[in-house]
Amino acid sequence: ALVHAVEGYITKGAWELTDMLHLKAIEIIGRSLRSAVAGDFGGREAMSLGQYIAGMGFSNVGLGIVHSMAHPLSAVYDI
């Protein structure tokens, strides 16, 4: 979730609307990640919202270098 938000924010295709979405996603994820990992339902719910918002922005900017590298590495190392 966080990688989607950061990657979408720094990619060349980013623009004002996607920046707004990605920054909001980073804010939500940043304040809820610890509680989500600890199993807190509210934290998990907030992480879902953060990922949803990051996805809305990410789907409008295209892939960045992180995903360009991740796809072939996933195939080679079965991760």
PDB file of N, CA and C in Angstrom:
ATOM      1  N   ALA A   1       0.822  -1.190   0.000  1.00  0.00           N
ATOM      2  CA  ALA A   1       0.000   0.000   0.000  1.00  0.00           C
ATOM      3  C   ALA A   1       0.870   1.260   0.000  1.00  0.00           C
ATOM      4  N   LEU A   2       1.837   1.284   0.890  1.00  0.00           N
ATOM      5  CA  LEU A   2       2.702   2.465   0.982  1.00  0.00           C
ATOM      6  C   LEU A   2       3.537   2.628  -0.280  1.00  0.00           C
ATOM      7  N   VAL A   3       4.034   1.523  -0.816  1.00  0.00           N
ATOM      8  CA  VAL A   3       4.835   1.605  -2.045  1.00  0.00           C
ATOM      9  C   VAL A   3       3.990   2.131  -3.198  1.00  0.00           C
ATOM     10  N   HIS A   4       2.740   1.691  -3.305  1.00  0.00           N
ATOM     11  CA  HIS A   4       1.868   2.216  -4.353  1.00  0.00           C
ATOM     12  C   HIS A   4       1.714   3.727  -4.223  1.00  0.00           C
ATOM     13  N   ALA A   5       1.511   4.204  -3.020  1.00  0.00           N
ATOM     14  CA  ALA A   5       1.310   5.635  -2.803  1.00  0.00           C
ATOM     15  C   ALA A   5       2.570   6.434  -3.110  1.00  0.00           C
ATOM     16  N   VAL A   6       3.707   5.971  -2.631  1.00  0.00           N
ATOM     17  CA  VAL A   6       4.963   6.699  -2.859  1.00  0.00           C
ATOM     18  C   VAL A   6       5.348   6.640  -4.331  1.00  0.00           C
ATOM     19  N   GLU A   7       5.262   5.463  -4.927  1.00  0.00           N
ATOM     20  CA  GLU A   7       5.616   5.321  -6.340  1.00  0.00           C
ATOM     21  C   GLU A   7       4.719   6.192  -7.217  1.00  0.00           C
ATOM     22  N   GLY A   8       3.433   6.196  -6.938  1.00  0.00           N
ATOM     23  CA  GLY A   8       2.518   7.030  -7.710  1.00  0.00           C
ATOM     24  C   GLY A   8       2.806   8.512  -7.561  1.00  0.00           C
ATOM     25  N   TYR A   9       3.265   8.897  -6.387  1.00  0.00           N
ATOM     26  CA  TYR A   9       3.559  10.308  -6.130  1.00  0.00           C
ATOM     27  C   TYR A   9       4.803  10.777  -6.878  1.00  0.00           C
ATOM     28  N   ILE A  10       5.807   9.921  -7.006  1.00  0.00           N
ATOM     29  CA  ILE A  10       7.075  10.359  -7.599  1.00  0.00           C
ATOM     30  C   ILE A  10       7.213  10.023  -9.081  1.00  0.00           C
ATOM     31  N   THR A  11       6.276   9.279  -9.647  1.00  0.00           N
ATOM     32  CA  THR A  11       6.392   8.896 -11.051  1.00  0.00           C
ATOM     33  C   THR A  11       6.206  10.094 -11.977  1.00  0.00           C
ATOM     34  N   LYS A  12       6.725   9.977 -13.190  1.00  0.00           N
ATOM     35  CA  LYS A  12       6.657  11.075 -14.162  1.00  0.00           C
ATOM     36  C   LYS A  12       5.226  11.429 -14.549  1.00  0.00           C
ATOM     37  N   GLY A  13       4.317  10.473 -14.455  1.00  0.00           N
ATOM     38  CA  GLY A  13       2.937  10.718 -14.852  1.00  0.00           C
ATOM     39  C   GLY A  13       2.090  11.422 -13.804  1.00  0.00           C
ATOM     40  N   ALA A  14       2.670  11.694 -12.645  1.00  0.00           N
ATOM     41  CA  ALA A  14       1.905  12.328 -11.552  1.00  0.00           C
ATOM     42  C   ALA A  14       1.472  13.737 -11.933  1.00  0.00           C
ATOM     43  N   TRP A  15       0.318  14.119 -11.454  1.00  0.00           N
ATOM     44  CA  TRP A  15      -0.188  15.476 -11.649  1.00  0.00           C
ATOM     45  C   TRP A  15      -0.959  15.887 -10.403  1.00  0.00           C
ATOM     46  N   GLU A  16      -1.534  17.069 -10.403  1.00  0.00           N
ATOM     47  CA  GLU A  16      -2.092  17.657  -9.182  1.00  0.00           C
ATOM     48  C   GLU A  16      -3.100  16.749  -8.471  1.00  0.00           C
ATOM     49  N   LEU A  17      -4.036  16.179  -9.193  1.00  0.00           N
ATOM     50  CA  LEU A  17      -5.049  15.330  -8.567  1.00  0.00           C
ATOM     51  C   LEU A  17      -4.427  14.061  -7.983  1.00  0.00           C
ATOM     52  N   THR A  18      -3.539  13.420  -8.735  1.00  0.00           N
ATOM     53  CA  THR A  18      -2.930  12.191  -8.224  1.00  0.00           C
ATOM     54  C   THR A  18      -2.005  12.481  -7.047  1.00  0.00           C
ATOM     55  N   ASP A  19      -1.336  13.625  -7.069  1.00  0.00           N
ATOM     56  CA  ASP A  19      -0.516  14.015  -5.915  1.00  0.00           C
ATOM     57  C   ASP A  19      -1.370  14.115  -4.659  1.00  0.00           C
ATOM     58  N   MET A  20      -2.539  14.726  -4.797  1.00  0.00           N
ATOM     59  CA  MET A  20      -3.444  14.878  -3.663  1.00  0.00           C
ATOM     60  C   MET A  20      -3.858  13.507  -3.118  1.00  0.00           C
ATOM     61  N   LEU A  21      -4.217  12.594  -4.007  1.00  0.00           N
ATOM     62  CA  LEU A  21      -4.624  11.258  -3.583  1.00  0.00           C
ATOM     63  C   LEU A  21      -3.475  10.512  -2.904  1.00  0.00           C
ATOM     64  N   HIS A  22      -2.304  10.568  -3.517  1.00  0.00           N
ATOM     65  CA  HIS A  22      -1.166   9.832  -2.954  1.00  0.00           C
ATOM     66  C   HIS A  22      -0.727  10.391  -1.603  1.00  0.00           C
ATOM     67  N   LEU A  23      -0.721  11.689  -1.465  1.00  0.00           N
ATOM     68  CA  LEU A  23      -0.336  12.279  -0.176  1.00  0.00           C
ATOM     69  C   LEU A  23      -1.333  11.909   0.922  1.00  0.00           C
ATOM     70  N   LYS A  24      -2.614  11.893   0.588  1.00  0.00           N
ATOM     71  CA  LYS A  24      -3.628  11.492   1.569  1.00  0.00           C
ATOM     72  C   LYS A  24      -3.450  10.022   1.945  1.00  0.00           C
ATOM     73  N   ALA A  25      -3.171   9.186   0.956  1.00  0.00           N
ATOM     74  CA  ALA A  25      -2.943   7.765   1.230  1.00  0.00           C
ATOM     75  C   ALA A  25      -1.733   7.571   2.135  1.00  0.00           C
ATOM     76  N   ILE A  26      -0.646   8.287   1.856  1.00  0.00           N
ATOM     77  CA  ILE A  26       0.558   8.195   2.688  1.00  0.00           C
ATOM     78  C   ILE A  26       0.245   8.606   4.122  1.00  0.00           C
ATOM     79  N   GLU A  27      -0.540   9.653   4.283  1.00  0.00           N
ATOM     80  CA  GLU A  27      -0.924  10.120   5.623  1.00  0.00           C
ATOM     81  C   GLU A  27      -1.709   9.038   6.374  1.00  0.00           C
ATOM     82  N   ILE A  28      -2.710   8.465   5.726  1.00  0.00           N
ATOM     83  CA  ILE A  28      -3.546   7.447   6.368  1.00  0.00           C
ATOM     84  C   ILE A  28      -2.726   6.201   6.703  1.00  0.00           C
ATOM     85  N   ILE A  29      -1.932   5.754   5.758  1.00  0.00           N
ATOM     86  CA  ILE A  29      -1.110   4.561   5.972  1.00  0.00           C
ATOM     87  C   ILE A  29      -0.095   4.809   7.085  1.00  0.00           C
ATOM     88  N   GLY A  30       0.508   5.979   7.089  1.00  0.00           N
ATOM     89  CA  GLY A  30       1.507   6.310   8.098  1.00  0.00           C
ATOM     90  C   GLY A  30       0.968   6.278   9.512  1.00  0.00           C
ATOM     91  N   ARG A  31      -0.271   6.690   9.687  1.00  0.00           N
ATOM     92  CA  ARG A  31      -0.813   6.717  11.047  1.00  0.00           C
ATOM     93  C   ARG A  31      -1.479   5.399  11.451  1.00  0.00           C
ATOM     94  N   SER A  32      -1.672   4.483  10.520  1.00  0.00           N
ATOM     95  CA  SER A  32      -2.391   3.252  10.871  1.00  0.00           C
ATOM     96  C   SER A  32      -1.586   1.969  10.695  1.00  0.00           C
ATOM     97  N   LEU A  33      -0.411   2.038  10.125  1.00  0.00           N
ATOM     98  CA  LEU A  33       0.358   0.825   9.827  1.00  0.00           C
ATOM     99  C   LEU A  33       0.686   0.014  11.082  1.00  0.00           C
ATOM    100  N   ARG A  34       1.177   0.668  12.114  1.00  0.00           N
ATOM    101  CA  ARG A  34       1.543  -0.065  13.341  1.00  0.00           C
ATOM    102  C   ARG A  34       0.347  -0.772  13.966  1.00  0.00           C
ATOM    103  N   SER A  35      -0.766  -0.075  14.065  1.00  0.00           N
ATOM    104  CA  SER A  35      -1.930  -0.706  14.690  1.00  0.00           C
ATOM    105  C   SER A  35      -2.491  -1.824  13.812  1.00  0.00           C
ATOM    106  N   ALA A  36      -2.397  -1.677  12.500  1.00  0.00           N
ATOM    107  CA  ALA A  36      -2.861  -2.740  11.603  1.00  0.00           C
ATOM    108  C   ALA A  36      -2.008  -3.989  11.759  1.00  0.00           C
ATOM    109  N   VAL A  37      -0.694  -3.814  11.831  1.00  0.00           N
ATOM    110  CA  VAL A  37       0.213  -4.954  12.016  1.00  0.00           C
ATOM    111  C   VAL A  37      -0.049  -5.634  13.356  1.00  0.00           C
ATOM    112  N   ALA A  38      -0.419  -4.842  14.358  1.00  0.00           N
ATOM    113  CA  ALA A  38      -0.718  -5.392  15.685  1.00  0.00           C
ATOM    114  C   ALA A  38      -2.067  -6.110  15.728  1.00  0.00           C
ATOM    115  N   GLY A  39      -2.831  -6.038  14.634  1.00  0.00           N
ATOM    116  CA  GLY A  39      -4.098  -6.748  14.571  1.00  0.00           C
ATOM    117  C   GLY A  39      -5.317  -5.924  14.908  1.00  0.00           C
ATOM    118  N   ASP A  40      -5.149  -4.636  15.123  1.00  0.00           N
ATOM    119  CA  ASP A  40      -6.271  -3.765  15.455  1.00  0.00           C
ATOM    120  C   ASP A  40      -7.193  -3.614  14.241  1.00  0.00           C
ATOM    121  N   PHE A  41      -8.491  -3.860  14.452  1.00  0.00           N
ATOM    122  CA  PHE A  41      -9.450  -3.779  13.353  1.00  0.00           C
ATOM    123  C   PHE A  41      -9.500  -2.380  12.752  1.00  0.00           C
ATOM    124  N   GLY A  42      -9.499  -1.350  13.591  1.00  0.00           N
ATOM    125  CA  GLY A  42      -9.532   0.025  13.093  1.00  0.00           C
ATOM    126  C   GLY A  42      -8.315   0.355  12.243  1.00  0.00           C
ATOM    127  N   GLY A  43      -7.157  -0.141  12.664  1.00  0.00           N
ATOM    128  CA  GLY A  43      -5.941   0.062  11.888  1.00  0.00           C
ATOM    129  C   GLY A  43      -6.007  -0.629  10.541  1.00  0.00           C
ATOM    130  N   ARG A  44      -6.555  -1.828  10.527  1.00  0.00           N
ATOM    131  CA  ARG A  44      -6.695  -2.567   9.266  1.00  0.00           C
ATOM    132  C   ARG A  44      -7.695  -1.885   8.342  1.00  0.00           C
ATOM    133  N   GLU A  45      -8.758  -1.387   8.927  1.00  0.00           N
ATOM    134  CA  GLU A  45      -9.750  -0.669   8.129  1.00  0.00           C
ATOM    135  C   GLU A  45      -9.132   0.585   7.506  1.00  0.00           C
ATOM    136  N   ALA A  46      -8.350   1.311   8.289  1.00  0.00           N
ATOM    137  CA  ALA A  46      -7.685   2.512   7.782  1.00  0.00           C
ATOM    138  C   ALA A  46      -6.673   2.156   6.697  1.00  0.00           C
ATOM    139  N   MET A  47      -5.956   1.051   6.857  1.00  0.00           N
ATOM    140  CA  MET A  47      -5.016   0.607   5.825  1.00  0.00           C
ATOM    141  C   MET A  47      -5.748   0.290   4.528  1.00  0.00           C
ATOM    142  N   SER A  48      -6.914  -0.314   4.638  1.00  0.00           N
ATOM    143  CA  SER A  48      -7.713  -0.601   3.443  1.00  0.00           C
ATOM    144  C   SER A  48      -8.105   0.683   2.734  1.00  0.00           C
ATOM    145  N   LEU A  49      -8.505   1.676   3.503  1.00  0.00           N
ATOM    146  CA  LEU A  49      -8.856   2.967   2.916  1.00  0.00           C
ATOM    147  C   LEU A  49      -7.632   3.612   2.275  1.00  0.00           C
ATOM    148  N   GLY A  50      -6.497   3.563   2.958  1.00  0.00           N
ATOM    149  CA  GLY A  50      -5.269   4.127   2.410  1.00  0.00           C
ATOM    150  C   GLY A  50      -4.882   3.467   1.100  1.00  0.00           C
ATOM    151  N   GLN A  51      -4.972   2.137   1.042  1.00  0.00           N
ATOM    152  CA  GLN A  51      -4.646   1.420  -0.190  1.00  0.00           C
ATOM    153  C   GLN A  51      -5.640   1.750  -1.294  1.00  0.00           C
ATOM    154  N   TYR A  52      -6.911   1.869  -0.945  1.00  0.00           N
ATOM    155  CA  TYR A  52      -7.937   2.217  -1.938  1.00  0.00           C
ATOM    156  C   TYR A  52      -7.642   3.582  -2.558  1.00  0.00           C
ATOM    157  N   ILE A  53      -7.330   4.553  -1.718  1.00  0.00           N
ATOM    158  CA  ILE A  53      -7.020   5.900  -2.208  1.00  0.00           C
ATOM    159  C   ILE A  53      -5.736   5.881  -3.036  1.00  0.00           C
ATOM    160  N   ALA A  54      -4.720   5.148  -2.581  1.00  0.00           N
ATOM    161  CA  ALA A  54      -3.479   5.023  -3.354  1.00  0.00           C
ATOM    162  C   ALA A  54      -3.765   4.396  -4.714  1.00  0.00           C
ATOM    163  N   GLY A  55      -4.624   3.403  -4.744  1.00  0.00           N
ATOM    164  CA  GLY A  55      -4.992   2.752  -6.001  1.00  0.00           C
ATOM    165  C   GLY A  55      -5.704   3.681  -6.960  1.00  0.00           C
ATOM    166  N   MET A  56      -6.553   4.562  -6.426  1.00  0.00           N
ATOM    167  CA  MET A  56      -7.223   5.538  -7.294  1.00  0.00           C
ATOM    168  C   MET A  56      -6.207   6.454  -7.960  1.00  0.00           C
ATOM    169  N   GLY A  57      -5.206   6.874  -7.208  1.00  0.00           N
ATOM    170  CA  GLY A  57      -4.172   7.717  -7.793  1.00  0.00           C
ATOM    171  C   GLY A  57      -3.260   6.936  -8.712  1.00  0.00           C
ATOM    172  N   PHE A  58      -2.842   5.761  -8.259  1.00  0.00           N
ATOM    173  CA  PHE A  58      -1.892   4.934  -8.999  1.00  0.00           C
ATOM    174  C   PHE A  58      -2.447   4.527 -10.360  1.00  0.00           C
ATOM    175  N   SER A  59      -3.740   4.265 -10.427  1.00  0.00           N
ATOM    176  CA  SER A  59      -4.338   3.836 -11.693  1.00  0.00           C
ATOM    177  C   SER A  59      -4.386   4.959 -12.723  1.00  0.00           C
ATOM    178  N   ASN A  60      -4.086   6.171 -12.312  1.00  0.00           N
ATOM    179  CA  ASN A  60      -4.097   7.314 -13.228  1.00  0.00           C
ATOM    180  C   ASN A  60      -2.707   7.817 -13.601  1.00  0.00           C
ATOM    181  N   VAL A  61      -1.656   7.166 -13.125  1.00  0.00           N
ATOM    182  CA  VAL A  61      -0.300   7.635 -13.443  1.00  0.00           C
ATOM    183  C   VAL A  61       0.550   6.580 -14.136  1.00  0.00           C
ATOM    184  N   GLY A  62       0.152   5.340 -14.125  1.00  0.00           N
ATOM    185  CA  GLY A  62       0.945   4.283 -14.746  1.00  0.00           C
ATOM    186  C   GLY A  62       1.992   3.728 -13.792  1.00  0.00           C
ATOM    187  N   LEU A  63       2.690   2.723 -14.278  1.00  0.00           N
ATOM    188  CA  LEU A  63       3.695   2.047 -13.459  1.00  0.00           C
ATOM    189  C   LEU A  63       4.972   2.855 -13.351  1.00  0.00           C
ATOM    190  N   GLY A  64       5.634   2.714 -12.229  1.00  0.00           N
ATOM    191  CA  GLY A  64       6.939   3.318 -12.023  1.00  0.00           C
ATOM    192  C   GLY A  64       8.009   2.246 -12.010  1.00  0.00           C
ATOM    193  N   ILE A  65       9.206   2.625 -11.674  1.00  0.00           N
ATOM    194  CA  ILE A  65      10.349   1.713 -11.715  1.00  0.00           C
ATOM    195  C   ILE A  65      10.211   0.557 -10.721  1.00  0.00           C
ATOM    196  N   VAL A  66       9.571   0.792  -9.589  1.00  0.00           N
ATOM    197  CA  VAL A  66       9.426  -0.277  -8.593  1.00  0.00           C
ATOM    198  C   VAL A  66       8.681  -1.463  -9.194  1.00  0.00           C
ATOM    199  N   HIS A  67       7.573  -1.201  -9.859  1.00  0.00           N
ATOM    200  CA  HIS A  67       6.811  -2.294 -10.455  1.00  0.00           C
ATOM    201  C   HIS A  67       7.512  -2.866 -11.682  1.00  0.00           C
ATOM    202  N   SER A  68       8.222  -2.044 -12.403  1.00  0.00           N
ATOM    203  CA  SER A  68       8.978  -2.541 -13.552  1.00  0.00           C
ATOM    204  C   SER A  68      10.031  -3.547 -13.110  1.00  0.00           C
ATOM    205  N   MET A  69      10.605  -3.346 -11.944  1.00  0.00           N
ATOM    206  CA  MET A  69      11.606  -4.276 -11.413  1.00  0.00           C
ATOM    207  C   MET A  69      10.948  -5.462 -10.708  1.00  0.00           C
ATOM    208  N   ALA A  70       9.833  -5.236 -10.040  1.00  0.00           N
ATOM    209  CA  ALA A  70       9.206  -6.279  -9.226  1.00  0.00           C
ATOM    210  C   ALA A  70       8.642  -7.422 -10.059  1.00  0.00           C
ATOM    211  N   HIS A  71       8.053  -7.131 -11.189  1.00  0.00           N
ATOM    212  CA  HIS A  71       7.410  -8.184 -11.970  1.00  0.00           C
ATOM    213  C   HIS A  71       8.402  -9.250 -12.441  1.00  0.00           C
ATOM    214  N   PRO A  72       9.524  -8.900 -13.082  1.00  0.00           N
ATOM    215  CA  PRO A  72      10.465  -9.955 -13.474  1.00  0.00           C
ATOM    216  C   PRO A  72      11.128 -10.644 -12.274  1.00  0.00           C
ATOM    217  N   LEU A  73      11.417  -9.893 -11.211  1.00  0.00           N
ATOM    218  CA  LEU A  73      12.017 -10.511 -10.025  1.00  0.00           C
ATOM    219  C   LEU A  73      11.062 -11.513  -9.385  1.00  0.00           C
ATOM    220  N   SER A  74       9.778 -11.184  -9.382  1.00  0.00           N
ATOM    221  CA  SER A  74       8.779 -12.102  -8.828  1.00  0.00           C
ATOM    222  C   SER A  74       8.747 -13.404  -9.608  1.00  0.00           C
ATOM    223  N   ALA A  75       8.869 -13.311 -10.913  1.00  0.00           N
ATOM    224  CA  ALA A  75       8.843 -14.513 -11.747  1.00  0.00           C
ATOM    225  C   ALA A  75      10.086 -15.374 -11.521  1.00  0.00           C
ATOM    226  N   VAL A  76      11.236 -14.743 -11.418  1.00  0.00           N
ATOM    227  CA  VAL A  76      12.494 -15.482 -11.258  1.00  0.00           C
ATOM    228  C   VAL A  76      12.597 -16.120  -9.875  1.00  0.00           C
ATOM    229  N   TYR A  77      12.219 -15.372  -8.831  1.00  0.00           N
ATOM    230  CA  TYR A  77      12.400 -15.842  -7.457  1.00  0.00           C
ATOM    231  C   TYR A  77      11.126 -16.378  -6.819  1.00  0.00           C
ATOM    232  N   ASP A  78      10.056 -16.485  -7.602  1.00  0.00           N
ATOM    233  CA  ASP A  78       8.790 -17.049  -7.129  1.00  0.00           C
ATOM    234  C   ASP A  78       8.298 -16.375  -5.847  1.00  0.00           C
ATOM    235  N   ILE A  79       8.298 -15.049  -5.873  1.00  0.00           N
ATOM    236  CA  ILE A  79       7.811 -14.295  -4.710  1.00  0.00           C
ATOM    237  C   ILE A  79       6.633 -13.432  -5.080  1.00  0.00           C
TER     238      ILE A  79
END
